[in-house]
Amino acid sequence: MIKSKKDKRQKARYKIRKRVSGTKEMPRLAVFRSNKEIYAQLIDDDSSSTLASASSREKITAKDKANKVNQAKLVGKLIAERAKEAGVSSVVFDRGGFLYHGRVKALADSAREAGLNF
């Protein structure tokens, strides 16, 4: 049976989530990438709550929409700033089944440069 690209990503996502879990001290940095936008959330899995979030749909990043990789860099910087405000310095990275390449890698690298440890 031929699986679609979406099914393959979902399978990889489940595999990652089996191993990766966030806590209050070290939340999970979850990334979702659509065709047009990119989203990042800091999630505490113990209490099932979102500590901080950032996306390329916000007004801060909307004016700098040069290309998708630059948007991802801005979102990574923004999520790192919001993590510091929430008192978080280190996170567990959850790529959400997407390849660690391109926009996902750009977001992760800019979050690291802005001060998040993972």
Protein backbone atom coordinates (compact mmCIF):
# COMPACT_ATOMS: atom_id res chain seq x y z
CA MET A 1 0.00 0.00 0.00
CA ILE A 2 1.39 3.37 -1.03
CA LYS A 3 1.32 5.92 1.74
CA SER A 4 0.82 9.59 1.06
CA LYS A 5 3.33 12.21 2.11
CA LYS A 6 0.96 13.29 4.88
CA ASP A 7 0.75 9.73 6.26
CA LYS A 8 4.55 9.41 6.31
CA ARG A 9 4.91 12.69 8.20
CA GLN A 10 2.25 11.62 10.69
CA LYS A 11 4.06 8.34 11.34
CA ALA A 12 7.34 10.18 11.93
CA ARG A 13 5.53 12.65 14.19
CA TYR A 14 4.13 9.87 16.38
CA LYS A 15 7.57 8.28 16.62
CA ILE A 16 9.11 11.56 17.77
CA ARG A 17 6.33 12.25 20.30
CA LYS A 18 6.88 8.85 21.91
CA ARG A 19 10.37 9.97 22.91
CA VAL A 20 9.98 13.74 23.39
CA SER A 21 8.07 15.26 26.29
CA GLY A 22 8.13 18.71 27.84
CA THR A 23 7.97 19.79 31.47
CA LYS A 24 7.55 23.14 33.20
CA GLU A 25 11.33 23.54 33.58
CA MET A 26 12.14 22.21 30.10
CA PRO A 27 9.14 22.60 27.77
CA ARG A 28 8.77 21.15 24.30
CA LEU A 29 9.40 23.53 21.39
CA ALA A 30 6.88 22.24 18.84
CA VAL A 31 7.17 23.42 15.23
CA PHE A 32 4.44 23.27 12.60
CA ARG A 33 5.13 24.26 9.02
CA SER A 34 2.41 24.84 6.45
CA ASN A 35 2.92 25.84 2.84
CA LYS A 36 2.68 29.55 3.64
CA GLU A 37 3.31 29.97 7.37
CA ILE A 38 5.37 28.57 10.25
CA TYR A 39 4.33 28.26 13.89
CA ALA A 40 6.21 27.52 17.13
CA GLN A 41 4.88 26.74 20.61
CA LEU A 42 6.43 26.07 24.00
CA ILE A 43 4.35 23.29 25.54
CA ASP A 44 4.31 21.87 29.07
CA ASP A 45 3.07 18.31 28.52
CA ASP A 46 2.63 17.61 32.25
CA SER A 47 -0.13 20.20 32.58
CA SER A 48 -1.10 20.22 28.87
CA SER A 49 -0.62 23.96 28.54
CA THR A 50 1.08 26.32 26.13
CA LEU A 51 3.62 28.61 27.79
CA ALA A 52 4.42 30.78 24.75
CA SER A 53 3.79 30.82 21.04
CA ALA A 54 4.92 32.66 17.92
CA SER A 55 4.00 32.50 14.25
CA SER A 56 4.73 34.15 10.94
CA ARG A 57 1.14 35.47 10.86
CA GLU A 58 1.82 38.05 13.58
CA LYS A 59 2.16 41.73 12.76
CA ILE A 60 5.79 41.76 13.89
CA THR A 61 6.81 39.25 11.23
CA ALA A 62 4.17 40.19 8.65
CA LYS A 63 6.01 43.35 7.59
CA ASP A 64 9.27 41.43 6.97
CA LYS A 65 7.86 38.75 4.65
CA ALA A 66 10.77 38.69 2.24
CA ASN A 67 10.86 34.90 1.96
CA LYS A 68 9.85 31.89 4.02
CA VAL A 69 13.30 31.16 5.47
CA ASN A 70 13.59 34.73 6.77
CA GLN A 71 10.12 34.40 8.29
CA ALA A 72 11.24 31.24 10.08
CA LYS A 73 14.31 33.05 11.43
CA LEU A 74 12.13 35.85 12.80
CA VAL A 75 9.74 33.35 14.42
CA GLY A 76 12.70 31.55 16.04
CA LYS A 77 13.99 34.81 17.46
CA LEU A 78 10.50 35.75 18.66
CA ILE A 79 9.86 32.42 20.41
CA ALA A 80 13.23 32.67 22.17
CA GLU A 81 12.37 36.16 23.46
CA ARG A 82 8.99 34.97 24.71
CA ALA A 83 10.61 31.95 26.34
CA LYS A 84 12.93 34.24 28.29
CA GLU A 85 9.91 36.28 29.42
CA ALA A 86 8.28 33.04 30.63
CA GLY A 87 11.47 32.12 32.53
CA VAL A 88 12.54 29.29 30.23
CA SER A 89 16.17 28.90 29.15
CA SER A 90 16.30 25.33 27.79
CA VAL A 91 13.78 23.36 25.72
CA VAL A 92 13.30 20.02 23.99
CA PHE A 93 12.97 20.42 20.21
CA ASP A 94 10.04 18.70 18.47
CA ARG A 95 10.27 19.01 14.70
CA GLY A 96 6.79 17.56 14.26
CA GLY A 97 7.72 14.98 11.64
CA PHE A 98 9.21 17.56 9.30
CA LEU A 99 12.77 17.14 8.06
CA TYR A 100 15.37 19.16 9.97
CA HIS A 101 16.13 21.19 6.90
CA GLY A 102 15.23 24.54 5.41
CA ARG A 103 12.65 26.50 7.40
CA VAL A 104 12.63 24.16 10.41
CA LYS A 105 16.42 24.36 10.68
CA ALA A 106 16.36 28.15 10.25
CA LEU A 107 13.85 28.49 13.09
CA ALA A 108 15.92 26.25 15.37
CA ASP A 109 19.19 28.01 14.59
CA SER A 110 17.79 31.49 15.21
CA ALA A 111 16.19 30.34 18.48
CA ARG A 112 19.61 29.02 19.58
CA GLU A 113 21.30 32.28 18.60
CA ALA A 114 18.70 34.22 20.61
CA GLY A 115 19.55 32.25 23.75
CA LEU A 116 17.51 29.02 23.90
CA ASN A 117 19.46 25.86 24.77
CA PHE A 118 18.60 22.56 23.04
